[in-house]
Amino acid sequence: MAFERKSPRDVARSLGERSRNHKREQNQSGSWRRETFTLSRAEARAKAREWFDQYPKAAYMTEIESWRALPEDRIEFTIRRLPTAD
């Protein structure tokens, strides 16, 4: 069986494509659990505290992924975590 010689550019392109496909598969597999809330400022703080108490950052990599302030002192935020801890 003869091996095909590849240029460094071909190898780099192949590895880059493989990496992009792997990342796409991970995102589609739902490796992160996300939930979006729209609450008053006080309720948003309480909800975030509840999540961090229930799913500690060290074990579940819990974090506020994004947030924004809305009119009438409301906050919309997305919190994410890993589904299980190792």
Protein backbone atom coordinates (compact mmCIF):
# COMPACT_ATOMS: atom_id res chain seq x y z
CA MET A 1 0.00 0.00 0.00
CA ALA A 2 1.49 3.33 -1.05
CA PHE A 3 1.25 6.32 1.24
CA GLU A 4 0.25 9.64 -0.20
CA ARG A 5 2.66 12.46 0.62
CA LYS A 6 0.93 15.56 1.90
CA SER A 7 2.25 19.07 2.07
CA PRO A 8 2.35 20.85 5.43
CA ARG A 9 -0.53 23.01 4.20
CA ASP A 10 -2.66 19.90 3.51
CA VAL A 11 -1.87 18.48 6.95
CA ALA A 12 -2.72 21.79 8.66
CA ARG A 13 -5.98 22.09 6.72
CA SER A 14 -6.96 18.52 7.60
CA LEU A 15 -6.20 18.99 11.30
CA GLY A 16 -8.09 22.31 11.38
CA GLU A 17 -11.13 20.73 9.75
CA ARG A 18 -11.02 17.81 12.19
CA SER A 19 -10.85 20.26 15.12
CA ARG A 20 -13.81 22.30 13.83
CA ASN A 21 -15.88 19.16 13.33
CA HIS A 22 -15.07 17.96 16.85
CA LYS A 23 -16.13 21.31 18.36
CA ARG A 24 -19.33 21.28 16.31
CA GLU A 25 -20.15 17.75 17.52
CA GLN A 26 -19.55 18.76 21.14
CA ASN A 27 -21.90 21.73 20.80
CA GLN A 28 -24.58 19.58 19.21
CA SER A 29 -24.25 16.88 21.85
CA GLY A 30 -25.42 19.34 24.47
CA SER A 31 -22.40 19.05 26.73
CA TRP A 32 -23.51 22.25 28.52
CA ARG A 33 -26.86 22.76 30.23
CA ARG A 34 -28.11 26.29 29.67
CA GLU A 35 -31.11 28.11 31.01
CA THR A 36 -32.17 31.70 30.38
CA PHE A 37 -34.10 33.76 32.92
CA THR A 38 -35.70 37.21 32.86
CA LEU A 39 -36.26 38.38 36.42
CA SER A 40 -36.22 41.45 38.59
CA ARG A 41 -32.74 42.38 39.80
CA ALA A 42 -33.30 40.90 43.28
CA GLU A 43 -34.87 37.71 41.90
CA ALA A 44 -32.00 37.34 39.39
CA ARG A 45 -29.42 37.52 42.19
CA ALA A 46 -31.35 34.96 44.22
CA LYS A 47 -31.68 32.60 41.22
CA ALA A 48 -27.95 32.85 40.42
CA ARG A 49 -27.08 32.20 44.08
CA GLU A 50 -29.43 29.18 44.05
CA TRP A 51 -27.68 27.71 40.99
CA PHE A 52 -24.19 28.28 42.39
CA ASP A 53 -25.25 26.65 45.69
CA GLN A 54 -26.83 23.67 43.92
CA TYR A 55 -24.15 23.32 41.22
CA PRO A 56 -20.81 24.56 42.64
CA LYS A 57 -18.47 26.15 40.12
CA ALA A 58 -15.60 23.82 41.04
CA ALA A 59 -17.58 20.67 40.21
CA TYR A 60 -19.97 21.79 37.47
CA MET A 61 -18.10 24.77 35.96
CA THR A 62 -21.23 26.84 36.55
CA GLU A 63 -21.09 30.37 35.19
CA ILE A 64 -23.23 33.25 34.03
CA GLU A 65 -22.70 33.00 30.30
CA SER A 66 -24.31 36.33 29.38
CA TRP A 67 -26.55 38.96 30.89
CA ARG A 68 -28.18 42.27 30.05
CA ALA A 69 -30.18 44.92 31.88
CA LEU A 70 -33.71 45.49 30.59
CA PRO A 71 -36.14 48.32 31.30
CA GLU A 72 -37.99 48.35 34.62
CA ASP A 73 -34.95 47.03 36.53
CA ARG A 74 -35.16 43.54 35.02
CA ILE A 75 -32.20 41.34 34.17
CA GLU A 76 -32.05 38.70 31.44
CA PHE A 77 -29.26 36.18 31.91
CA THR A 78 -28.16 32.79 30.71
CA ILE A 79 -26.46 30.47 33.16
CA ARG A 80 -24.66 27.31 32.10
CA ARG A 81 -23.20 24.26 33.80
CA LEU A 82 -21.95 20.79 33.01
CA PRO A 83 -24.68 18.15 33.41
CA THR A 84 -22.67 15.99 35.82
CA ALA A 85 -19.58 16.28 37.96
CA ASP A 86 -16.65 13.90 37.66
